[in-house]
Amino acid sequence: MAIAFGSELAVAPLIQRRLMGQIAGISGAYGNIGALVFLTILSLVATQTFFLIIAATAIVVLIAVQFMDEPKGQIAEILPDGTVQMIDVN
């Protein structure tokens, strides 16, 4: 679990570096919501069923991620001094 959370936060600076704190905060908050949802499900079903639900959720997320497009070309980042830096995304 800790490895997945760390890798998720490692992606946050790739979105926009100047918004890294906000993006990391949002992803952490949604991680807590997800934990709350799964904890609630665990309290309602048997343990074996709970792990089947986790497996099904992982498969659904894996399929959904396969249809996402990766950024291509360049993204622009505005530096504190007002200059624009183009970052290659390949």
PDB file of N, CA and C in Angstrom:
ATOM      1  N   MET A   1       0.823  -1.187   0.000  1.00  0.00           N
ATOM      2  CA  MET A   1       0.000   0.000   0.000  1.00  0.00           C
ATOM      3  C   MET A   1       0.869   1.253   0.000  1.00  0.00           C
ATOM      4  N   ALA A   2       1.902   1.272   0.820  1.00  0.00           N
ATOM      5  CA  ALA A   2       2.759   2.454   0.905  1.00  0.00           C
ATOM      6  C   ALA A   2       3.492   2.690  -0.405  1.00  0.00           C
ATOM      7  N   ILE A   3       3.867   1.621  -1.098  1.00  0.00           N
ATOM      8  CA  ILE A   3       4.555   1.770  -2.378  1.00  0.00           C
ATOM      9  C   ILE A   3       3.619   2.392  -3.402  1.00  0.00           C
ATOM     10  N   ALA A   4       2.372   1.965  -3.435  1.00  0.00           N
ATOM     11  CA  ALA A   4       1.405   2.521  -4.380  1.00  0.00           C
ATOM     12  C   ALA A   4       1.160   3.994  -4.088  1.00  0.00           C
ATOM     13  N   PHE A   5       1.062   4.338  -2.810  1.00  0.00           N
ATOM     14  CA  PHE A   5       0.826   5.735  -2.458  1.00  0.00           C
ATOM     15  C   PHE A   5       2.022   6.591  -2.837  1.00  0.00           C
ATOM     16  N   GLY A   6       3.220   6.083  -2.622  1.00  0.00           N
ATOM     17  CA  GLY A   6       4.424   6.825  -2.986  1.00  0.00           C
ATOM     18  C   GLY A   6       4.542   7.027  -4.481  1.00  0.00           C
ATOM     19  N   SER A   7       4.209   6.008  -5.248  1.00  0.00           N
ATOM     20  CA  SER A   7       4.292   6.150  -6.702  1.00  0.00           C
ATOM     21  C   SER A   7       3.225   7.102  -7.218  1.00  0.00           C
ATOM     22  N   GLU A   8       2.080   7.130  -6.565  1.00  0.00           N
ATOM     23  CA  GLU A   8       1.034   8.082  -6.961  1.00  0.00           C
ATOM     24  C   GLU A   8       1.511   9.510  -6.727  1.00  0.00           C
ATOM     25  N   LEU A   9       2.123   9.766  -5.581  1.00  0.00           N
ATOM     26  CA  LEU A   9       2.608  11.114  -5.284  1.00  0.00           C
ATOM     27  C   LEU A   9       3.813  11.475  -6.137  1.00  0.00           C
ATOM     28  N   ALA A  10       4.554  10.488  -6.646  1.00  0.00           N
ATOM     29  CA  ALA A  10       5.679  10.779  -7.529  1.00  0.00           C
ATOM     30  C   ALA A  10       5.200  11.300  -8.874  1.00  0.00           C
ATOM     31  N   VAL A  11       3.973  10.965  -9.257  1.00  0.00           N
ATOM     32  CA  VAL A  11       3.423  11.421 -10.530  1.00  0.00           C
ATOM     33  C   VAL A  11       2.918  12.865 -10.422  1.00  0.00           C
ATOM     34  N   ALA A  12       2.581  13.312  -9.232  1.00  0.00           N
ATOM     35  CA  ALA A  12       2.005  14.646  -9.041  1.00  0.00           C
ATOM     36  C   ALA A  12       2.854  15.766  -9.635  1.00  0.00           C
ATOM     37  N   PRO A  13       4.177  15.799  -9.473  1.00  0.00           N
ATOM     38  CA  PRO A  13       4.955  16.889 -10.076  1.00  0.00           C
ATOM     39  C   PRO A  13       4.940  16.867 -11.600  1.00  0.00           C
ATOM     40  N   LEU A  14       4.617  15.733 -12.199  1.00  0.00           N
ATOM     41  CA  LEU A  14       4.594  15.655 -13.652  1.00  0.00           C
ATOM     42  C   LEU A  14       3.369  16.354 -14.223  1.00  0.00           C
ATOM     43  N   ILE A  15       2.352  16.584 -13.417  1.00  0.00           N
ATOM     44  CA  ILE A  15       1.153  17.259 -13.902  1.00  0.00           C
ATOM     45  C   ILE A  15       1.462  18.744 -14.100  1.00  0.00           C
ATOM     46  N   GLN A  16       1.826  19.423 -13.045  1.00  0.00           N
ATOM     47  CA  GLN A  16       2.338  20.797 -13.100  1.00  0.00           C
ATOM     48  C   GLN A  16       3.133  21.034 -11.826  1.00  0.00           C
ATOM     49  N   ARG A  17       4.396  21.353 -11.991  1.00  0.00           N
ATOM     50  CA  ARG A  17       5.260  21.452 -10.827  1.00  0.00           C
ATOM     51  C   ARG A  17       4.819  22.520  -9.839  1.00  0.00           C
ATOM     52  N   ARG A  18       4.311  23.640 -10.337  1.00  0.00           N
ATOM     53  CA  ARG A  18       3.950  24.724  -9.418  1.00  0.00           C
ATOM     54  C   ARG A  18       2.695  24.408  -8.606  1.00  0.00           C
ATOM     55  N   LEU A  19       1.925  23.412  -9.044  1.00  0.00           N
ATOM     56  CA  LEU A  19       0.732  23.002  -8.324  1.00  0.00           C
ATOM     57  C   LEU A  19       0.941  21.708  -7.550  1.00  0.00           C
ATOM     58  N   MET A  20       2.201  21.320  -7.356  1.00  0.00           N
ATOM     59  CA  MET A  20       2.499  20.017  -6.767  1.00  0.00           C
ATOM     60  C   MET A  20       1.861  19.841  -5.392  1.00  0.00           C
ATOM     61  N   GLY A  21       1.920  20.843  -4.550  1.00  0.00           N
ATOM     62  CA  GLY A  21       1.340  20.736  -3.214  1.00  0.00           C
ATOM     63  C   GLY A  21      -0.162  20.534  -3.248  1.00  0.00           C
ATOM     64  N   GLN A  22      -0.844  21.272  -4.118  1.00  0.00           N
ATOM     65  CA  GLN A  22      -2.289  21.141  -4.226  1.00  0.00           C
ATOM     66  C   GLN A  22      -2.683  19.774  -4.782  1.00  0.00           C
ATOM     67  N   ILE A  23      -1.958  19.320  -5.791  1.00  0.00           N
ATOM     68  CA  ILE A  23      -2.265  18.028  -6.397  1.00  0.00           C
ATOM     69  C   ILE A  23      -1.995  16.910  -5.404  1.00  0.00           C
ATOM     70  N   ALA A  24      -0.883  16.996  -4.674  1.00  0.00           N
ATOM     71  CA  ALA A  24      -0.574  15.972  -3.672  1.00  0.00           C
ATOM     72  C   ALA A  24      -1.630  15.966  -2.566  1.00  0.00           C
ATOM     73  N   GLY A  25      -2.105  17.137  -2.163  1.00  0.00           N
ATOM     74  CA  GLY A  25      -3.148  17.210  -1.145  1.00  0.00           C
ATOM     75  C   GLY A  25      -4.455  16.598  -1.607  1.00  0.00           C
ATOM     76  N   ILE A  26      -4.825  16.882  -2.849  1.00  0.00           N
ATOM     77  CA  ILE A  26      -6.063  16.329  -3.389  1.00  0.00           C
ATOM     78  C   ILE A  26      -5.963  14.809  -3.520  1.00  0.00           C
ATOM     79  N   SER A  27      -4.826  14.330  -4.033  1.00  0.00           N
ATOM     80  CA  SER A  27      -4.688  12.877  -4.186  1.00  0.00           C
ATOM     81  C   SER A  27      -4.646  12.187  -2.827  1.00  0.00           C
ATOM     82  N   GLY A  28      -4.058  12.816  -1.828  1.00  0.00           N
ATOM     83  CA  GLY A  28      -4.068  12.246  -0.478  1.00  0.00           C
ATOM     84  C   GLY A  28      -5.469  12.224   0.113  1.00  0.00           C
ATOM     85  N   ALA A  29      -6.228  13.285  -0.120  1.00  0.00           N
ATOM     86  CA  ALA A  29      -7.593  13.348   0.402  1.00  0.00           C
ATOM     87  C   ALA A  29      -8.473  12.284  -0.243  1.00  0.00           C
ATOM     88  N   TYR A  30      -8.357  12.113  -1.565  1.00  0.00           N
ATOM     89  CA  TYR A  30      -9.153  11.085  -2.221  1.00  0.00           C
ATOM     90  C   TYR A  30      -8.700   9.687  -1.813  1.00  0.00           C
ATOM     91  N   GLY A  31      -7.421   9.530  -1.481  1.00  0.00           N
ATOM     92  CA  GLY A  31      -6.952   8.251  -0.958  1.00  0.00           C
ATOM     93  C   GLY A  31      -7.617   7.928   0.365  1.00  0.00           C
ATOM     94  N   ASN A  32      -7.796   8.950   1.212  1.00  0.00           N
ATOM     95  CA  ASN A  32      -8.486   8.734   2.487  1.00  0.00           C
ATOM     96  C   ASN A  32      -9.957   8.391   2.265  1.00  0.00           C
ATOM     97  N   ILE A  33     -10.585   9.014   1.284  1.00  0.00           N
ATOM     98  CA  ILE A  33     -11.985   8.698   0.979  1.00  0.00           C
ATOM     99  C   ILE A  33     -12.096   7.249   0.505  1.00  0.00           C
ATOM    100  N   GLY A  34     -11.151   6.829  -0.352  1.00  0.00           N
ATOM    101  CA  GLY A  34     -11.154   5.446  -0.815  1.00  0.00           C
ATOM    102  C   GLY A  34     -10.975   4.462   0.323  1.00  0.00           C
ATOM    103  N   ALA A  35     -10.089   4.807   1.270  1.00  0.00           N
ATOM    104  CA  ALA A  35      -9.890   3.931   2.429  1.00  0.00           C
ATOM    105  C   ALA A  35     -11.166   3.840   3.257  1.00  0.00           C
ATOM    106  N   LEU A  36     -11.856   4.947   3.410  1.00  0.00           N
ATOM    107  CA  LEU A  36     -13.102   4.954   4.169  1.00  0.00           C
ATOM    108  C   LEU A  36     -14.167   4.099   3.486  1.00  0.00           C
ATOM    109  N   VAL A  37     -14.232   4.195   2.162  1.00  0.00           N
ATOM    110  CA  VAL A  37     -15.219   3.398   1.419  1.00  0.00           C
ATOM    111  C   VAL A  37     -14.933   1.909   1.598  1.00  0.00           C
ATOM    112  N   PHE A  38     -13.666   1.507   1.436  1.00  0.00           N
ATOM    113  CA  PHE A  38     -13.343   0.087   1.574  1.00  0.00           C
ATOM    114  C   PHE A  38     -13.491  -0.385   3.012  1.00  0.00           C
ATOM    115  N   LEU A  39     -13.215   0.472   3.987  1.00  0.00           N
ATOM    116  CA  LEU A  39     -13.424   0.089   5.386  1.00  0.00           C
ATOM    117  C   LEU A  39     -14.913  -0.134   5.666  1.00  0.00           C
ATOM    118  N   THR A  40     -15.757   0.705   5.087  1.00  0.00           N
ATOM    119  CA  THR A  40     -17.201   0.534   5.239  1.00  0.00           C
ATOM    120  C   THR A  40     -17.657  -0.769   4.597  1.00  0.00           C
ATOM    121  N   ILE A  41     -17.126  -1.059   3.398  1.00  0.00           N
ATOM    122  CA  ILE A  41     -17.488  -2.313   2.734  1.00  0.00           C
ATOM    123  C   ILE A  41     -17.042  -3.502   3.582  1.00  0.00           C
ATOM    124  N   LEU A  42     -15.843  -3.424   4.171  1.00  0.00           N
ATOM    125  CA  LEU A  42     -15.347  -4.510   5.009  1.00  0.00           C
ATOM    126  C   LEU A  42     -16.267  -4.764   6.199  1.00  0.00           C
ATOM    127  N   SER A  43     -16.853  -3.703   6.735  1.00  0.00           N
ATOM    128  CA  SER A  43     -17.736  -3.882   7.883  1.00  0.00           C
ATOM    129  C   SER A  43     -19.090  -4.485   7.491  1.00  0.00           C
ATOM    130  N   LEU A  44     -19.404  -4.480   6.195  1.00  0.00           N
ATOM    131  CA  LEU A  44     -20.707  -4.967   5.743  1.00  0.00           C
ATOM    132  C   LEU A  44     -20.679  -6.380   5.162  1.00  0.00           C
ATOM    133  N   VAL A  45     -19.512  -6.850   4.729  1.00  0.00           N
ATOM    134  CA  VAL A  45     -19.443  -8.157   4.066  1.00  0.00           C
ATOM    135  C   VAL A  45     -18.408  -9.047   4.748  1.00  0.00           C
ATOM    136  N   ALA A  46     -18.396 -10.306   4.357  1.00  0.00           N
ATOM    137  CA  ALA A  46     -17.406 -11.252   4.885  1.00  0.00           C
ATOM    138  C   ALA A  46     -16.024 -10.928   4.313  1.00  0.00           C
ATOM    139  N   THR A  47     -14.999 -11.394   4.987  1.00  0.00           N
ATOM    140  CA  THR A  47     -13.622 -11.088   4.581  1.00  0.00           C
ATOM    141  C   THR A  47     -13.321 -11.600   3.178  1.00  0.00           C
ATOM    142  N   GLN A  48     -13.729 -12.811   2.867  1.00  0.00           N
ATOM    143  CA  GLN A  48     -13.461 -13.365   1.543  1.00  0.00           C
ATOM    144  C   GLN A  48     -14.148 -12.528   0.458  1.00  0.00           C
ATOM    145  N   THR A  49     -15.363 -12.118   0.700  1.00  0.00           N
ATOM    146  CA  THR A  49     -16.087 -11.270  -0.250  1.00  0.00           C
ATOM    147  C   THR A  49     -15.393  -9.919  -0.394  1.00  0.00           C
ATOM    148  N   PHE A  50     -14.888  -9.398   0.710  1.00  0.00           N
ATOM    149  CA  PHE A  50     -14.187  -8.114   0.683  1.00  0.00           C
ATOM    150  C   PHE A  50     -12.983  -8.169  -0.252  1.00  0.00           C
ATOM    151  N   PHE A  51     -12.192  -9.229  -0.152  1.00  0.00           N
ATOM    152  CA  PHE A  51     -11.017  -9.329  -1.015  1.00  0.00           C
ATOM    153  C   PHE A  51     -11.407  -9.543  -2.470  1.00  0.00           C
ATOM    154  N   LEU A  52     -12.518 -10.192  -2.730  1.00  0.00           N
ATOM    155  CA  LEU A  52     -13.013 -10.309  -4.102  1.00  0.00           C
ATOM    156  C   LEU A  52     -13.445  -8.946  -4.644  1.00  0.00           C
ATOM    157  N   ILE A  53     -14.026  -8.109  -3.783  1.00  0.00           N
ATOM    158  CA  ILE A  53     -14.409  -6.750  -4.190  1.00  0.00           C
ATOM    159  C   ILE A  53     -13.170  -5.926  -4.509  1.00  0.00           C
ATOM    160  N   ILE A  54     -12.122  -6.062  -3.689  1.00  0.00           N
ATOM    161  CA  ILE A  54     -10.871  -5.339  -3.966  1.00  0.00           C
ATOM    162  C   ILE A  54     -10.289  -5.787  -5.303  1.00  0.00           C
ATOM    163  N   ALA A  55     -10.284  -7.108  -5.557  1.00  0.00           N
ATOM    164  CA  ALA A  55      -9.759  -7.628  -6.822  1.00  0.00           C
ATOM    165  C   ALA A  55     -10.570  -7.114  -8.003  1.00  0.00           C
ATOM    166  N   ALA A  56     -11.894  -7.113  -7.881  1.00  0.00           N
ATOM    167  CA  ALA A  56     -12.748  -6.621  -8.966  1.00  0.00           C
ATOM    168  C   ALA A  56     -12.509  -5.136  -9.217  1.00  0.00           C
ATOM    169  N   THR A  57     -12.341  -4.370  -8.149  1.00  0.00           N
ATOM    170  CA  THR A  57     -12.070  -2.939  -8.293  1.00  0.00           C
ATOM    171  C   THR A  57     -10.734  -2.722  -8.998  1.00  0.00           C
ATOM    172  N   ALA A  58      -9.726  -3.498  -8.649  1.00  0.00           N
ATOM    173  CA  ALA A  58      -8.424  -3.376  -9.293  1.00  0.00           C
ATOM    174  C   ALA A  58      -8.508  -3.691 -10.775  1.00  0.00           C
ATOM    175  N   ILE A  59      -9.282  -4.695 -11.136  1.00  0.00           N
ATOM    176  CA  ILE A  59      -9.432  -5.052 -12.548  1.00  0.00           C
ATOM    177  C   ILE A  59     -10.161  -3.950 -13.309  1.00  0.00           C
ATOM    178  N   VAL A  60     -11.198  -3.387 -12.720  1.00  0.00           N
ATOM    179  CA  VAL A  60     -11.938  -2.298 -13.369  1.00  0.00           C
ATOM    180  C   VAL A  60     -11.022  -1.085 -13.573  1.00  0.00           C
ATOM    181  N   VAL A  61     -10.224  -0.739 -12.575  1.00  0.00           N
ATOM    182  CA  VAL A  61      -9.310   0.404 -12.698  1.00  0.00           C
ATOM    183  C   VAL A  61      -8.249   0.118 -13.756  1.00  0.00           C
ATOM    184  N   LEU A  62      -7.730  -1.097 -13.792  1.00  0.00           N
ATOM    185  CA  LEU A  62      -6.740  -1.462 -14.807  1.00  0.00           C
ATOM    186  C   LEU A  62      -7.310  -1.303 -16.206  1.00  0.00           C
ATOM    187  N   ILE A  63      -8.523  -1.755 -16.414  1.00  0.00           N
ATOM    188  CA  ILE A  63      -9.163  -1.616 -17.726  1.00  0.00           C
ATOM    189  C   ILE A  63      -9.387  -0.137 -18.056  1.00  0.00           C
ATOM    190  N   ALA A  64      -9.830   0.644 -17.081  1.00  0.00           N
ATOM    191  CA  ALA A  64     -10.070   2.072 -17.321  1.00  0.00           C
ATOM    192  C   ALA A  64      -8.779   2.808 -17.681  1.00  0.00           C
ATOM    193  N   VAL A  65      -7.682   2.452 -17.032  1.00  0.00           N
ATOM    194  CA  VAL A  65      -6.406   3.123 -17.289  1.00  0.00           C
ATOM    195  C   VAL A  65      -5.895   2.806 -18.693  1.00  0.00           C
ATOM    196  N   GLN A  66      -6.244   1.654 -19.220  1.00  0.00           N
ATOM    197  CA  GLN A  66      -5.783   1.273 -20.550  1.00  0.00           C
ATOM    198  C   GLN A  66      -6.324   2.212 -21.631  1.00  0.00           C
ATOM    199  N   PHE A  67      -7.437   2.880 -21.365  1.00  0.00           N
ATOM    200  CA  PHE A  67      -8.042   3.761 -22.358  1.00  0.00           C
ATOM    201  C   PHE A  67      -7.623   5.217 -22.205  1.00  0.00           C
ATOM    202  N   MET A  68      -6.780   5.523 -21.244  1.00  0.00           N
ATOM    203  CA  MET A  68      -6.324   6.899 -21.046  1.00  0.00           C
ATOM    204  C   MET A  68      -5.199   7.220 -22.027  1.00  0.00           C
ATOM    205  N   ASP A  69      -5.174   8.470 -22.492  1.00  0.00           N
ATOM    206  CA  ASP A  69      -4.118   8.916 -23.397  1.00  0.00           C
ATOM    207  C   ASP A  69      -2.995   9.564 -22.596  1.00  0.00           C
ATOM    208  N   GLU A  70      -1.771   9.262 -22.981  1.00  0.00           N
ATOM    209  CA  GLU A  70      -0.627   9.898 -22.354  1.00  0.00           C
ATOM    210  C   GLU A  70      -0.374  11.234 -23.040  1.00  0.00           C
ATOM    211  N   PRO A  71       0.123  12.224 -22.286  1.00  0.00           N
ATOM    212  CA  PRO A  71       0.433  13.507 -22.920  1.00  0.00           C
ATOM    213  C   PRO A  71       1.574  13.340 -23.925  1.00  0.00           C
ATOM    214  N   LYS A  72       1.496  14.087 -25.006  1.00  0.00           N
ATOM    215  CA  LYS A  72       2.525  14.033 -26.039  1.00  0.00           C
ATOM    216  C   LYS A  72       2.978  15.447 -26.370  1.00  0.00           C
ATOM    217  N   GLY A  73       4.177  15.564 -26.882  1.00  0.00           N
ATOM    218  CA  GLY A  73       4.691  16.860 -27.296  1.00  0.00           C
ATOM    219  C   GLY A  73       5.315  17.621 -26.143  1.00  0.00           C
ATOM    220  N   GLN A  74       4.781  18.816 -25.884  1.00  0.00           N
ATOM    221  CA  GLN A  74       5.332  19.674 -24.842  1.00  0.00           C
ATOM    222  C   GLN A  74       4.214  20.247 -23.987  1.00  0.00           C
ATOM    223  N   ILE A  75       4.558  20.538 -22.739  1.00  0.00           N
ATOM    224  CA  ILE A  75       3.652  21.284 -21.871  1.00  0.00           C
ATOM    225  C   ILE A  75       4.371  22.556 -21.450  1.00  0.00           C
ATOM    226  N   ALA A  76       3.615  23.599 -21.203  1.00  0.00           N
ATOM    227  CA  ALA A  76       4.186  24.883 -20.817  1.00  0.00           C
ATOM    228  C   ALA A  76       4.070  25.060 -19.315  1.00  0.00           C
ATOM    229  N   GLU A  77       5.139  25.606 -18.736  1.00  0.00           N
ATOM    230  CA  GLU A  77       5.129  25.926 -17.317  1.00  0.00           C
ATOM    231  C   GLU A  77       5.590  27.365 -17.165  1.00  0.00           C
ATOM    232  N   ILE A  78       4.808  28.151 -16.440  1.00  0.00           N
ATOM    233  CA  ILE A  78       5.158  29.548 -16.205  1.00  0.00           C
ATOM    234  C   ILE A  78       5.978  29.621 -14.924  1.00  0.00           C
ATOM    235  N   LEU A  79       7.199  30.109 -15.037  1.00  0.00           N
ATOM    236  CA  LEU A  79       8.106  30.213 -13.897  1.00  0.00           C
ATOM    237  C   LEU A  79       7.763  31.447 -13.060  1.00  0.00           C
ATOM    238  N   PRO A  80       8.242  31.521 -11.817  1.00  0.00           N
ATOM    239  CA  PRO A  80       7.910  32.663 -10.946  1.00  0.00           C
ATOM    240  C   PRO A  80       8.314  34.019 -11.520  1.00  0.00           C
ATOM    241  N   ASP A  81       9.355  34.047 -12.357  1.00  0.00           N
ATOM    242  CA  ASP A  81       9.771  35.330 -12.933  1.00  0.00           C
ATOM    243  C   ASP A  81       8.967  35.721 -14.167  1.00  0.00           C
ATOM    244  N   GLY A  82       7.982  34.910 -14.540  1.00  0.00           N
ATOM    245  CA  GLY A  82       7.100  35.234 -15.656  1.00  0.00           C
ATOM    246  C   GLY A  82       7.504  34.602 -16.974  1.00  0.00           C
ATOM    247  N   THR A  83       8.674  33.984 -17.037  1.00  0.00           N
ATOM    248  CA  THR A  83       9.083  33.337 -18.282  1.00  0.00           C
ATOM    249  C   THR A  83       8.362  31.996 -18.435  1.00  0.00           C
ATOM    250  N   VAL A  84       8.251  31.595 -19.683  1.00  0.00           N
ATOM    251  CA  VAL A  84       7.573  30.336 -19.995  1.00  0.00           C
ATOM    252  C   VAL A  84       8.626  29.298 -20.347  1.00  0.00           C
ATOM    253  N   GLN A  85       8.549  28.151 -19.712  1.00  0.00           N
ATOM    254  CA  GLN A  85       9.467  27.061 -20.013  1.00  0.00           C
ATOM    255  C   GLN A  85       8.667  25.923 -20.643  1.00  0.00           C
ATOM    256  N   MET A  86       9.134  25.460 -21.792  1.00  0.00           N
ATOM    257  CA  MET A  86       8.497  24.337 -22.455  1.00  0.00           C
ATOM    258  C   MET A  86       9.174  23.053 -21.995  1.00  0.00           C
ATOM    259  N   ILE A  87       8.379  22.067 -21.565  1.00  0.00           N
ATOM    260  CA  ILE A  87       8.907  20.810 -21.069  1.00  0.00           C
ATOM    261  C   ILE A  87       8.502  19.722 -22.044  1.00  0.00           C
ATOM    262  N   ASP A  88       9.505  18.977 -22.536  1.00  0.00           N
ATOM    263  CA  ASP A  88       9.227  17.887 -23.467  1.00  0.00           C
ATOM    264  C   ASP A  88       8.584  16.726 -22.724  1.00  0.00           C
ATOM    265  N   VAL A  89       7.518  16.199 -23.310  1.00  0.00           N
ATOM    266  CA  VAL A  89       6.836  15.033 -22.742  1.00  0.00           C
ATOM    267  C   VAL A  89       6.815  13.957 -23.818  1.00  0.00           C
ATOM    268  N   ASN A  90       7.603  12.943 -23.605  1.00  0.00           N
ATOM    269  CA  ASN A  90       7.683  11.858 -24.605  1.00  0.00           C
ATOM    270  C   ASN A  90       7.401  10.550 -23.965  1.00  0.00           C
TER     271      ASN A  90
END
